[in-house]
């Protein structure tokens, strides 16, 4: 939980468990201080680094001030911050970090290897009155257990209105609200010769629709969460995707549909990589109404989806009906 004005958490609240992230906690007791690190890799990628006095080695119960240090190494700063895909830091304090931890319980699996940890933490950038606070409850590593798609598909999900899609043949129907930069605020059905160049490819959990309009980058991907080996019929809520950066999330799945337009970058300075990635990201849902396979390839698929640019309320909705020619 982050205060307004806190550089690390940007005034937001975050929660990660094994149902939405891959969580790791580690220590290093070979240094001149007690090093403690924790990571949560979900929709966002967060890393926390805490330095404690050498007297707190091995970890023991109680409240201890952190050792304030601007930088241990170019990519290891004291604090809690999102990190980009390369492992660098995006929102750590520009200077030193101060704060404390309150260790409630701790066990070791073996010397120098944590078995479990329960602690509270509060950190702030030196000179700031705003803080980021957190609770770490770790019982040893647990593999992510990401929920699969919802079945049956909720009847309340969007579908094209009567008469808006062809009665026969393959088609892609897109319905864009005013203000949506991807679809341009118009509705259109692509069918017949317009789909002659479209290909549908499935690799593992990823189903891709390639560019099918000459001169326009219209394409899309639908990606299952890690609890599946391939897409199956069902409703996939709370999906995200960023085609320009790393596509759908490898753990949680995702989706995106591109068009002549793109989601805009955030306003202001461009130094915050996470802000750029988030603001130019799509979010929404998709539903696989039908998917048929033979000889290791998709033969037919019906997909509905809804997406918007993060921070926008304008929707792009679509339905794809495709049977291999």
C-alpha atoms as a PDB file:
ATOM      1  CA  UNK A   1       0.000   0.000   0.000  1.00  0.00           C
ATOM      2  CA  UNK A   2       1.518   3.268  -1.151  1.00  0.00           C
ATOM      3  CA  UNK A   3       0.830   6.831   0.009  1.00  0.00           C
ATOM      4  CA  UNK A   4       0.076   9.581  -2.467  1.00  0.00           C
ATOM      5  CA  UNK A   5       3.441  11.102  -3.359  1.00  0.00           C
ATOM      6  CA  UNK A   6       5.394   7.893  -2.815  1.00  0.00           C
ATOM      7  CA  UNK A   7       7.751   7.358  -5.742  1.00  0.00           C
ATOM      8  CA  UNK A   8       7.941   3.585  -5.397  1.00  0.00           C
ATOM      9  CA  UNK A   9       4.266   2.615  -5.357  1.00  0.00           C
ATOM     10  CA  UNK A  10       2.782   5.729  -6.975  1.00  0.00           C
ATOM     11  CA  UNK A  11      -0.063   5.883  -4.450  1.00  0.00           C
ATOM     12  CA  UNK A  12      -1.529   2.517  -5.455  1.00  0.00           C
ATOM     13  CA  UNK A  13      -2.359  -0.702  -3.591  1.00  0.00           C
ATOM     14  CA  UNK A  14      -1.138  -4.081  -4.843  1.00  0.00           C
ATOM     15  CA  UNK A  15      -1.708  -7.649  -3.691  1.00  0.00           C
ATOM     16  CA  UNK A  16       0.060 -10.754  -4.967  1.00  0.00           C
ATOM     17  CA  UNK A  17      -0.571 -14.408  -4.122  1.00  0.00           C
ATOM     18  CA  UNK A  18       0.166 -17.686  -5.891  1.00  0.00           C
ATOM     19  CA  UNK A  19      -3.104 -17.226  -7.825  1.00  0.00           C
ATOM     20  CA  UNK A  20      -1.810 -14.151  -9.678  1.00  0.00           C
ATOM     21  CA  UNK A  21       1.998 -14.139  -9.401  1.00  0.00           C
ATOM     22  CA  UNK A  22       5.196 -16.145  -9.093  1.00  0.00           C
ATOM     23  CA  UNK A  23       6.646 -15.154  -5.702  1.00  0.00           C
ATOM     24  CA  UNK A  24      10.208 -15.647  -4.479  1.00  0.00           C
ATOM     25  CA  UNK A  25      11.927 -14.640  -1.226  1.00  0.00           C
ATOM     26  CA  UNK A  26      15.674 -15.007  -0.686  1.00  0.00           C
ATOM     27  CA  UNK A  27      18.508 -13.895   1.583  1.00  0.00           C
ATOM     28  CA  UNK A  28      22.274 -13.527   1.307  1.00  0.00           C
ATOM     29  CA  UNK A  29      24.227 -13.756   4.547  1.00  0.00           C
ATOM     30  CA  UNK A  30      27.689 -13.633   2.984  1.00  0.00           C
ATOM     31  CA  UNK A  31      27.792  -9.826   2.769  1.00  0.00           C
ATOM     32  CA  UNK A  32      28.620  -7.145   5.320  1.00  0.00           C
ATOM     33  CA  UNK A  33      24.920  -6.766   6.074  1.00  0.00           C
ATOM     34  CA  UNK A  34      21.800  -8.919   6.064  1.00  0.00           C
ATOM     35  CA  UNK A  35      20.437  -8.926   2.504  1.00  0.00           C
ATOM     36  CA  UNK A  36      16.765  -9.786   1.987  1.00  0.00           C
ATOM     37  CA  UNK A  37      15.005  -9.785  -1.387  1.00  0.00           C
ATOM     38  CA  UNK A  38      11.500 -10.649  -2.542  1.00  0.00           C
ATOM     39  CA  UNK A  39       9.958 -10.689  -6.007  1.00  0.00           C
ATOM     40  CA  UNK A  40       6.410 -10.874  -7.338  1.00  0.00           C
ATOM     41  CA  UNK A  41       6.109 -11.548 -11.045  1.00  0.00           C
ATOM     42  CA  UNK A  42       2.490 -11.108 -12.126  1.00  0.00           C
ATOM     43  CA  UNK A  43       0.847  -8.467 -14.317  1.00  0.00           C
ATOM     44  CA  UNK A  44       3.546  -6.168 -12.975  1.00  0.00           C
ATOM     45  CA  UNK A  45       7.044  -7.224 -12.031  1.00  0.00           C
ATOM     46  CA  UNK A  46       8.072  -6.059  -8.565  1.00  0.00           C
ATOM     47  CA  UNK A  47      11.244  -6.468  -6.595  1.00  0.00           C
ATOM     48  CA  UNK A  48      11.992  -5.521  -3.015  1.00  0.00           C
ATOM     49  CA  UNK A  49      15.491  -5.297  -1.564  1.00  0.00           C
ATOM     50  CA  UNK A  50      16.039  -4.787   2.154  1.00  0.00           C
ATOM     51  CA  UNK A  51      19.414  -4.346   3.858  1.00  0.00           C
ATOM     52  CA  UNK A  52      19.577  -4.887   7.600  1.00  0.00           C
ATOM     53  CA  UNK A  53      22.504  -4.525  10.016  1.00  0.00           C
ATOM     54  CA  UNK A  54      24.873  -7.477  10.266  1.00  0.00           C
ATOM     55  CA  UNK A  55      23.693  -7.927  13.865  1.00  0.00           C
ATOM     56  CA  UNK A  56      20.355  -9.139  12.454  1.00  0.00           C
ATOM     57  CA  UNK A  57      22.130 -12.115  10.888  1.00  0.00           C
ATOM     58  CA  UNK A  58      20.640 -14.680  11.028  1.00  0.00           C
ATOM     59  CA  UNK A  59      17.217 -13.076  10.839  1.00  0.00           C
ATOM     60  CA  UNK A  60      15.485 -12.753  14.185  1.00  0.00           C
ATOM     61  CA  UNK A  61      12.199 -11.464  15.519  1.00  0.00           C
ATOM     62  CA  UNK A  62      11.740  -7.758  16.116  1.00  0.00           C
ATOM     63  CA  UNK A  63      11.698  -4.367  14.462  1.00  0.00           C
ATOM     64  CA  UNK A  64      14.877  -3.186  12.741  1.00  0.00           C
ATOM     65  CA  UNK A  65      15.817  -0.099  10.744  1.00  0.00           C
ATOM     66  CA  UNK A  66      17.009  -0.732   7.216  1.00  0.00           C
ATOM     67  CA  UNK A  67      20.548   0.130   6.166  1.00  0.00           C
ATOM     68  CA  UNK A  68      20.102   3.124   3.878  1.00  0.00           C
ATOM     69  CA  UNK A  69      22.179   2.920   0.728  1.00  0.00           C
ATOM     70  CA  UNK A  70      21.738   4.655  -2.615  1.00  0.00           C
ATOM     71  CA  UNK A  71      22.938   1.676  -4.621  1.00  0.00           C
ATOM     72  CA  UNK A  72      24.538  -1.683  -3.975  1.00  0.00           C
ATOM     73  CA  UNK A  73      25.125  -2.169  -7.691  1.00  0.00           C
ATOM     74  CA  UNK A  74      23.743  -0.509 -10.843  1.00  0.00           C
ATOM     75  CA  UNK A  75      20.620  -2.721 -10.788  1.00  0.00           C
ATOM     76  CA  UNK A  76      20.269  -3.413  -7.052  1.00  0.00           C
ATOM     77  CA  UNK A  77      18.812  -0.590  -4.980  1.00  0.00           C
ATOM     78  CA  UNK A  78      17.375  -0.633  -1.500  1.00  0.00           C
ATOM     79  CA  UNK A  79      13.612  -0.269  -1.761  1.00  0.00           C
ATOM     80  CA  UNK A  80      10.547  -1.697  -3.443  1.00  0.00           C
ATOM     81  CA  UNK A  81       9.949  -0.929  -7.088  1.00  0.00           C
ATOM     82  CA  UNK A  82       8.626  -2.308 -10.347  1.00  0.00           C
ATOM     83  CA  UNK A  83      11.302  -3.519 -12.718  1.00  0.00           C
ATOM     84  CA  UNK A  84      11.265  -3.697 -16.480  1.00  0.00           C
ATOM     85  CA  UNK A  85      11.751  -6.798 -18.606  1.00  0.00           C
ATOM     86  CA  UNK A  86      15.524  -6.432 -18.549  1.00  0.00           C
ATOM     87  CA  UNK A  87      15.610  -6.590 -14.749  1.00  0.00           C
ATOM     88  CA  UNK A  88      16.395  -2.916 -14.221  1.00  0.00           C
ATOM     89  CA  UNK A  89      14.652  -0.576 -11.833  1.00  0.00           C
ATOM     90  CA  UNK A  90      12.063   1.993 -12.834  1.00  0.00           C
ATOM     91  CA  UNK A  91      10.758   3.607  -9.646  1.00  0.00           C
ATOM     92  CA  UNK A  92      13.286   3.107  -6.892  1.00  0.00           C
ATOM     93  CA  UNK A  93      14.157   6.209  -4.880  1.00  0.00           C
ATOM     94  CA  UNK A  94      16.383   8.669  -6.743  1.00  0.00           C
ATOM     95  CA  UNK A  95      18.538   8.860  -3.615  1.00  0.00           C
ATOM     96  CA  UNK A  96      18.730   6.877  -0.402  1.00  0.00           C
ATOM     97  CA  UNK A  97      15.888   4.880   1.138  1.00  0.00           C
ATOM     98  CA  UNK A  98      14.968   4.773   4.813  1.00  0.00           C
ATOM     99  CA  UNK A  99      12.501   2.678   6.784  1.00  0.00           C
ATOM    100  CA  UNK A 100      12.087  -0.416   8.919  1.00  0.00           C
ATOM    101  CA  UNK A 101      10.968  -4.033   8.966  1.00  0.00           C
ATOM    102  CA  UNK A 102       9.104  -5.832  11.737  1.00  0.00           C
ATOM    103  CA  UNK A 103       9.801  -9.569  11.591  1.00  0.00           C
ATOM    104  CA  UNK A 104       6.914 -11.519  13.134  1.00  0.00           C
ATOM    105  CA  UNK A 105       8.205 -15.027  12.471  1.00  0.00           C
ATOM    106  CA  UNK A 106      11.072 -16.653  10.578  1.00  0.00           C
ATOM    107  CA  UNK A 107      12.401 -20.160  10.025  1.00  0.00           C
ATOM    108  CA  UNK A 108      15.413 -21.500   8.153  1.00  0.00           C
ATOM    109  CA  UNK A 109      15.301 -24.570   5.908  1.00  0.00           C
ATOM    110  CA  UNK A 110      19.079 -24.835   6.281  1.00  0.00           C
ATOM    111  CA  UNK A 111      21.875 -22.388   7.157  1.00  0.00           C
ATOM    112  CA  UNK A 112      21.533 -19.358   4.892  1.00  0.00           C
ATOM    113  CA  UNK A 113      18.308 -20.641   3.285  1.00  0.00           C
ATOM    114  CA  UNK A 114      14.933 -19.303   4.392  1.00  0.00           C
ATOM    115  CA  UNK A 115      12.108 -21.682   5.180  1.00  0.00           C
ATOM    116  CA  UNK A 116       9.396 -19.132   5.975  1.00  0.00           C
ATOM    117  CA  UNK A 117       9.031 -15.444   6.754  1.00  0.00           C
ATOM    118  CA  UNK A 118       6.316 -13.157   8.091  1.00  0.00           C
ATOM    119  CA  UNK A 119       7.091  -9.447   8.288  1.00  0.00           C
ATOM    120  CA  UNK A 120       5.784  -5.925   7.918  1.00  0.00           C
ATOM    121  CA  UNK A 121       7.816  -3.321   6.065  1.00  0.00           C
ATOM    122  CA  UNK A 122       7.692   0.457   5.653  1.00  0.00           C
ATOM    123  CA  UNK A 123      10.021   2.356   3.334  1.00  0.00           C
ATOM    124  CA  UNK A 124      10.255   5.930   2.110  1.00  0.00           C
ATOM    125  CA  UNK A 125      12.627   7.934  -0.020  1.00  0.00           C
ATOM    126  CA  UNK A 126      14.850  10.152   2.125  1.00  0.00           C
ATOM    127  CA  UNK A 127      13.314  13.627   2.243  1.00  0.00           C
ATOM    128  CA  UNK A 128       9.789  12.376   1.536  1.00  0.00           C
ATOM    129  CA  UNK A 129       6.922  12.051   4.007  1.00  0.00           C
ATOM    130  CA  UNK A 130       5.139   9.518   1.800  1.00  0.00           C
ATOM    131  CA  UNK A 131       5.775   5.825   2.376  1.00  0.00           C
ATOM    132  CA  UNK A 132       5.130   2.420   0.885  1.00  0.00           C
ATOM    133  CA  UNK A 133       4.007  -0.238   3.352  1.00  0.00           C
ATOM    134  CA  UNK A 134       3.706  -3.944   2.865  1.00  0.00           C
ATOM    135  CA  UNK A 135       3.137  -7.322   4.446  1.00  0.00           C
ATOM    136  CA  UNK A 136       5.134 -10.392   3.430  1.00  0.00           C
ATOM    137  CA  UNK A 137       3.673 -13.789   4.346  1.00  0.00           C
ATOM    138  CA  UNK A 138       5.848 -16.506   2.841  1.00  0.00           C
ATOM    139  CA  UNK A 139       5.635 -20.185   3.799  1.00  0.00           C
ATOM    140  CA  UNK A 140       8.286 -21.399   1.404  1.00  0.00           C
ATOM    141  CA  UNK A 141       8.105 -21.426  -2.377  1.00  0.00           C
ATOM    142  CA  UNK A 142       4.730 -22.366  -3.820  1.00  0.00           C
ATOM    143  CA  UNK A 143       4.304 -22.878  -7.539  1.00  0.00           C
ATOM    144  CA  UNK A 144       1.781 -20.481  -9.082  1.00  0.00           C
ATOM    145  CA  UNK A 145      -1.786 -21.835  -9.186  1.00  0.00           C
ATOM    146  CA  UNK A 146      -3.435 -19.621 -11.781  1.00  0.00           C
ATOM    147  CA  UNK A 147      -7.209 -20.183 -12.157  1.00  0.00           C
ATOM    148  CA  UNK A 148      -8.288 -21.460 -15.568  1.00  0.00           C
ATOM    149  CA  UNK A 149     -11.052 -20.065 -17.772  1.00  0.00           C
ATOM    150  CA  UNK A 150     -14.625 -19.776 -16.519  1.00  0.00           C
ATOM    151  CA  UNK A 151     -17.069 -22.385 -17.810  1.00  0.00           C
ATOM    152  CA  UNK A 152     -19.847 -22.114 -18.709  1.00  0.00           C
ATOM    153  CA  UNK A 153     -19.321 -18.766 -20.388  1.00  0.00           C
ATOM    154  CA  UNK A 154     -21.474 -16.062 -18.729  1.00  0.00           C
ATOM    155  CA  UNK A 155     -24.559 -15.301 -20.807  1.00  0.00           C
ATOM    156  CA  UNK A 156     -24.171 -11.582 -20.065  1.00  0.00           C
ATOM    157  CA  UNK A 157     -21.020 -11.180 -22.179  1.00  0.00           C
ATOM    158  CA  UNK A 158     -21.192  -8.984 -25.258  1.00  0.00           C
ATOM    159  CA  UNK A 159     -22.182 -10.521 -28.599  1.00  0.00           C
ATOM    160  CA  UNK A 160     -22.817  -8.824 -31.943  1.00  0.00           C
ATOM    161  CA  UNK A 161     -26.386  -7.707 -32.480  1.00  0.00           C
ATOM    162  CA  UNK A 162     -28.741  -9.599 -34.805  1.00  0.00           C
ATOM    163  CA  UNK A 163     -27.943  -9.098 -38.463  1.00  0.00           C
ATOM    164  CA  UNK A 164     -24.508  -7.541 -37.889  1.00  0.00           C
ATOM    165  CA  UNK A 165     -22.495 -10.604 -38.967  1.00  0.00           C
ATOM    166  CA  UNK A 166     -22.725 -12.800 -42.090  1.00  0.00           C
ATOM    167  CA  UNK A 167     -24.905 -15.899 -41.910  1.00  0.00           C
ATOM    168  CA  UNK A 168     -22.257 -18.014 -43.657  1.00  0.00           C
ATOM    169  CA  UNK A 169     -18.508 -17.959 -44.255  1.00  0.00           C
ATOM    170  CA  UNK A 170     -15.560 -16.739 -42.241  1.00  0.00           C
ATOM    171  CA  UNK A 171     -15.589 -13.224 -40.835  1.00  0.00           C
ATOM    172  CA  UNK A 172     -14.024 -10.787 -38.392  1.00  0.00           C
ATOM    173  CA  UNK A 173     -16.500  -8.318 -36.934  1.00  0.00           C
ATOM    174  CA  UNK A 174     -15.110  -5.275 -35.101  1.00  0.00           C
ATOM    175  CA  UNK A 175     -17.186  -2.707 -33.226  1.00  0.00           C
ATOM    176  CA  UNK A 176     -15.231   0.302 -31.960  1.00  0.00           C
ATOM    177  CA  UNK A 177     -16.608   2.999 -29.667  1.00  0.00           C
ATOM    178  CA  UNK A 178     -15.811   6.695 -30.209  1.00  0.00           C
ATOM    179  CA  UNK A 179     -12.461   7.445 -28.610  1.00  0.00           C
ATOM    180  CA  UNK A 180     -11.010   3.981 -29.183  1.00  0.00           C
ATOM    181  CA  UNK A 181      -7.744   4.551 -31.102  1.00  0.00           C
ATOM    182  CA  UNK A 182      -7.333   0.932 -32.226  1.00  0.00           C
ATOM    183  CA  UNK A 183     -10.606   0.570 -34.108  1.00  0.00           C
ATOM    184  CA  UNK A 184     -11.107   4.237 -34.938  1.00  0.00           C
ATOM    185  CA  UNK A 185     -14.634   4.449 -33.535  1.00  0.00           C
ATOM    186  CA  UNK A 186     -16.315   2.540 -36.376  1.00  0.00           C
ATOM    187  CA  UNK A 187     -17.872  -0.887 -36.928  1.00  0.00           C
ATOM    188  CA  UNK A 188     -16.802  -3.101 -39.809  1.00  0.00           C
ATOM    189  CA  UNK A 189     -17.179  -6.671 -41.013  1.00  0.00           C
ATOM    190  CA  UNK A 190     -14.225  -8.243 -42.779  1.00  0.00           C
ATOM    191  CA  UNK A 191     -15.311 -11.199 -44.895  1.00  0.00           C
ATOM    192  CA  UNK A 192     -14.822 -12.894 -48.238  1.00  0.00           C
ATOM    193  CA  UNK A 193     -11.828 -11.604 -50.198  1.00  0.00           C
ATOM    194  CA  UNK A 194     -10.809  -9.357 -47.296  1.00  0.00           C
ATOM    195  CA  UNK A 195      -9.911 -12.471 -45.296  1.00  0.00           C
ATOM    196  CA  UNK A 196      -8.100 -14.286 -48.093  1.00  0.00           C
ATOM    197  CA  UNK A 197      -4.664 -13.510 -46.629  1.00  0.00           C
ATOM    198  CA  UNK A 198      -5.517 -14.143 -42.971  1.00  0.00           C
ATOM    199  CA  UNK A 199      -3.805 -17.069 -41.297  1.00  0.00           C
ATOM    200  CA  UNK A 200      -4.575 -18.657 -37.947  1.00  0.00           C
ATOM    201  CA  UNK A 201      -1.688 -20.216 -36.036  1.00  0.00           C
ATOM    202  CA  UNK A 202      -1.606 -22.015 -32.705  1.00  0.00           C
ATOM    203  CA  UNK A 203       1.678 -22.568 -30.874  1.00  0.00           C
ATOM    204  CA  UNK A 204       1.290 -23.951 -27.376  1.00  0.00           C
ATOM    205  CA  UNK A 205      -1.023 -21.635 -25.440  1.00  0.00           C
ATOM    206  CA  UNK A 206      -0.963 -18.900 -28.100  1.00  0.00           C
ATOM    207  CA  UNK A 207      -3.535 -18.453 -30.870  1.00  0.00           C
ATOM    208  CA  UNK A 208      -2.525 -15.809 -33.423  1.00  0.00           C
ATOM    209  CA  UNK A 209      -4.409 -14.132 -36.248  1.00  0.00           C
ATOM    210  CA  UNK A 210      -2.045 -12.568 -38.767  1.00  0.00           C
ATOM    211  CA  UNK A 211      -2.432  -9.351 -40.747  1.00  0.00           C
ATOM    212  CA  UNK A 212      -5.244  -9.712 -43.245  1.00  0.00           C
ATOM    213  CA  UNK A 213      -5.865  -6.192 -44.564  1.00  0.00           C
ATOM    214  CA  UNK A 214      -3.171  -5.016 -47.021  1.00  0.00           C
ATOM    215  CA  UNK A 215      -1.377  -1.964 -45.670  1.00  0.00           C
ATOM    216  CA  UNK A 216      -3.042  -2.113 -42.253  1.00  0.00           C
ATOM    217  CA  UNK A 217      -1.505  -3.865 -39.218  1.00  0.00           C
ATOM    218  CA  UNK A 218      -4.648  -5.718 -38.141  1.00  0.00           C
ATOM    219  CA  UNK A 219      -3.754  -8.774 -36.099  1.00  0.00           C
ATOM    220  CA  UNK A 220      -4.412 -10.302 -32.725  1.00  0.00           C
ATOM    221  CA  UNK A 221      -3.319 -12.841 -30.154  1.00  0.00           C
ATOM    222  CA  UNK A 222      -5.121 -14.800 -27.471  1.00  0.00           C
ATOM    223  CA  UNK A 223      -2.932 -16.512 -24.897  1.00  0.00           C
ATOM    224  CA  UNK A 224      -3.968 -18.995 -22.193  1.00  0.00           C
ATOM    225  CA  UNK A 225      -2.788 -18.849 -18.589  1.00  0.00           C
ATOM    226  CA  UNK A 226      -0.022 -21.210 -17.457  1.00  0.00           C
ATOM    227  CA  UNK A 227      -2.477 -23.671 -15.893  1.00  0.00           C
ATOM    228  CA  UNK A 228      -3.411 -24.778 -19.441  1.00  0.00           C
ATOM    229  CA  UNK A 229      -1.299 -26.327 -22.187  1.00  0.00           C
ATOM    230  CA  UNK A 230      -3.506 -24.862 -24.910  1.00  0.00           C
ATOM    231  CA  UNK A 231      -6.602 -22.731 -25.222  1.00  0.00           C
ATOM    232  CA  UNK A 232      -9.929 -24.349 -24.463  1.00  0.00           C
ATOM    233  CA  UNK A 233     -13.528 -23.202 -24.571  1.00  0.00           C
ATOM    234  CA  UNK A 234     -14.379 -20.781 -21.779  1.00  0.00           C
ATOM    235  CA  UNK A 235     -14.311 -17.187 -20.565  1.00  0.00           C
ATOM    236  CA  UNK A 236     -10.927 -15.550 -19.914  1.00  0.00           C
ATOM    237  CA  UNK A 237     -11.473 -12.455 -17.738  1.00  0.00           C
ATOM    238  CA  UNK A 238      -9.024  -9.720 -16.734  1.00  0.00           C
ATOM    239  CA  UNK A 239      -6.661 -10.201 -19.653  1.00  0.00           C
ATOM    240  CA  UNK A 240      -3.941  -7.775 -20.695  1.00  0.00           C
ATOM    241  CA  UNK A 241      -1.443  -7.480 -23.502  1.00  0.00           C
ATOM    242  CA  UNK A 242       1.177  -5.126 -24.885  1.00  0.00           C
ATOM    243  CA  UNK A 243       2.277  -6.041 -28.401  1.00  0.00           C
ATOM    244  CA  UNK A 244       5.096  -3.476 -28.511  1.00  0.00           C
ATOM    245  CA  UNK A 245       6.830  -4.708 -25.358  1.00  0.00           C
ATOM    246  CA  UNK A 246       6.362  -8.355 -24.399  1.00  0.00           C
ATOM    247  CA  UNK A 247       2.914  -9.385 -25.584  1.00  0.00           C
ATOM    248  CA  UNK A 248       0.648 -11.406 -23.305  1.00  0.00           C
ATOM    249  CA  UNK A 249       1.870 -12.345 -19.844  1.00  0.00           C
ATOM    250  CA  UNK A 250       3.555 -15.760 -19.861  1.00  0.00           C
ATOM    251  CA  UNK A 251       2.031 -16.700 -16.491  1.00  0.00           C
ATOM    252  CA  UNK A 252      -1.434 -15.149 -16.554  1.00  0.00           C
ATOM    253  CA  UNK A 253      -2.146 -15.211 -20.275  1.00  0.00           C
ATOM    254  CA  UNK A 254      -3.469 -12.225 -22.144  1.00  0.00           C
ATOM    255  CA  UNK A 255      -4.751 -10.792 -25.370  1.00  0.00           C
ATOM    256  CA  UNK A 256      -4.523  -7.877 -27.722  1.00  0.00           C
ATOM    257  CA  UNK A 257      -5.959  -6.806 -31.045  1.00  0.00           C
ATOM    258  CA  UNK A 258      -4.157  -4.249 -33.161  1.00  0.00           C
ATOM    259  CA  UNK A 259      -5.508  -1.988 -35.850  1.00  0.00           C
ATOM    260  CA  UNK A 260      -4.570   1.134 -37.760  1.00  0.00           C
ATOM    261  CA  UNK A 261      -4.285   2.972 -34.426  1.00  0.00           C
ATOM    262  CA  UNK A 262      -2.498   2.125 -31.187  1.00  0.00           C
ATOM    263  CA  UNK A 263      -2.923   2.862 -27.504  1.00  0.00           C
ATOM    264  CA  UNK A 264      -1.152   6.163 -26.758  1.00  0.00           C
ATOM    265  CA  UNK A 265       1.939   6.502 -24.550  1.00  0.00           C
ATOM    266  CA  UNK A 266       1.476   8.231 -21.189  1.00  0.00           C
ATOM    267  CA  UNK A 267       1.720  12.019 -20.924  1.00  0.00           C
ATOM    268  CA  UNK A 268       4.737  13.677 -19.389  1.00  0.00           C
ATOM    269  CA  UNK A 269       8.336  12.423 -19.032  1.00  0.00           C
ATOM    270  CA  UNK A 270       9.217   9.138 -20.732  1.00  0.00           C
ATOM    271  CA  UNK A 271      11.650   7.931 -18.064  1.00  0.00           C
ATOM    272  CA  UNK A 272       9.157   5.686 -16.256  1.00  0.00           C
ATOM    273  CA  UNK A 273       9.277   2.512 -18.332  1.00  0.00           C
ATOM    274  CA  UNK A 274       6.515   0.821 -16.348  1.00  0.00           C
ATOM    275  CA  UNK A 275       4.204   3.802 -16.873  1.00  0.00           C
ATOM    276  CA  UNK A 276       4.895   3.622 -20.618  1.00  0.00           C
ATOM    277  CA  UNK A 277       4.201  -0.094 -20.780  1.00  0.00           C
ATOM    278  CA  UNK A 278       1.034   0.177 -18.687  1.00  0.00           C
ATOM    279  CA  UNK A 279      -0.428   3.187 -20.479  1.00  0.00           C
ATOM    280  CA  UNK A 280       0.154   1.656 -23.913  1.00  0.00           C
ATOM    281  CA  UNK A 281      -1.324  -1.689 -22.862  1.00  0.00           C
ATOM    282  CA  UNK A 282      -4.640  -3.287 -23.756  1.00  0.00           C
ATOM    283  CA  UNK A 283      -6.915  -4.831 -21.143  1.00  0.00           C
ATOM    284  CA  UNK A 284     -10.171  -6.726 -21.399  1.00  0.00           C
ATOM    285  CA  UNK A 285     -11.504 -10.256 -21.803  1.00  0.00           C
ATOM    286  CA  UNK A 286     -12.005 -12.921 -24.410  1.00  0.00           C
ATOM    287  CA  UNK A 287     -14.249 -15.959 -24.722  1.00  0.00           C
ATOM    288  CA  UNK A 288     -13.577 -19.072 -26.774  1.00  0.00           C
ATOM    289  CA  UNK A 289     -17.051 -20.232 -27.796  1.00  0.00           C
ATOM    290  CA  UNK A 290     -15.684 -23.084 -29.889  1.00  0.00           C
ATOM    291  CA  UNK A 291     -12.299 -24.462 -30.815  1.00  0.00           C
ATOM    292  CA  UNK A 292     -11.776 -27.628 -32.855  1.00  0.00           C
ATOM    293  CA  UNK A 293      -8.483 -29.302 -33.685  1.00  0.00           C
ATOM    294  CA  UNK A 294      -7.330 -32.127 -35.955  1.00  0.00           C
ATOM    295  CA  UNK A 295      -3.851 -33.373 -36.837  1.00  0.00           C
ATOM    296  CA  UNK A 296      -2.346 -30.940 -34.330  1.00  0.00           C
ATOM    297  CA  UNK A 297      -3.841 -27.817 -35.910  1.00  0.00           C
ATOM    298  CA  UNK A 298      -6.847 -25.626 -35.239  1.00  0.00           C
ATOM    299  CA  UNK A 299      -9.599 -26.373 -37.737  1.00  0.00           C
ATOM    300  CA  UNK A 300     -12.315 -24.048 -36.454  1.00  0.00           C
ATOM    301  CA  UNK A 301     -12.596 -21.339 -33.822  1.00  0.00           C
ATOM    302  CA  UNK A 302     -15.135 -18.816 -32.599  1.00  0.00           C
ATOM    303  CA  UNK A 303     -13.799 -16.023 -30.383  1.00  0.00           C
ATOM    304  CA  UNK A 304     -15.408 -12.956 -28.843  1.00  0.00           C
ATOM    305  CA  UNK A 305     -13.405 -10.255 -27.122  1.00  0.00           C
ATOM    306  CA  UNK A 306     -13.527  -6.815 -25.577  1.00  0.00           C
ATOM    307  CA  UNK A 307     -10.526  -4.577 -25.005  1.00  0.00           C
ATOM    308  CA  UNK A 308      -9.632  -0.993 -24.203  1.00  0.00           C
ATOM    309  CA  UNK A 309      -6.481   1.002 -23.711  1.00  0.00           C
ATOM    310  CA  UNK A 310      -5.509   1.206 -20.036  1.00  0.00           C
ATOM    311  CA  UNK A 311      -6.928   4.459 -18.656  1.00  0.00           C
ATOM    312  CA  UNK A 312      -9.618   4.714 -21.342  1.00  0.00           C
ATOM    313  CA  UNK A 313     -13.293   3.760 -21.255  1.00  0.00           C
ATOM    314  CA  UNK A 314     -13.711   3.414 -25.036  1.00  0.00           C
ATOM    315  CA  UNK A 315     -14.099  -0.243 -26.013  1.00  0.00           C
ATOM    316  CA  UNK A 316     -13.160  -2.262 -29.051  1.00  0.00           C
ATOM    317  CA  UNK A 317     -15.308  -5.371 -29.297  1.00  0.00           C
ATOM    318  CA  UNK A 318     -14.955  -8.147 -31.799  1.00  0.00           C
ATOM    319  CA  UNK A 319     -16.065 -11.561 -32.917  1.00  0.00           C
ATOM    320  CA  UNK A 320     -14.070 -13.964 -35.078  1.00  0.00           C
ATOM    321  CA  UNK A 321     -15.652 -16.920 -36.851  1.00  0.00           C
ATOM    322  CA  UNK A 322     -13.136 -19.018 -38.746  1.00  0.00           C
ATOM    323  CA  UNK A 323     -13.182 -22.488 -40.289  1.00  0.00           C
ATOM    324  CA  UNK A 324     -10.066 -23.700 -42.055  1.00  0.00           C
ATOM    325  CA  UNK A 325     -10.671 -23.579 -45.826  1.00  0.00           C
END
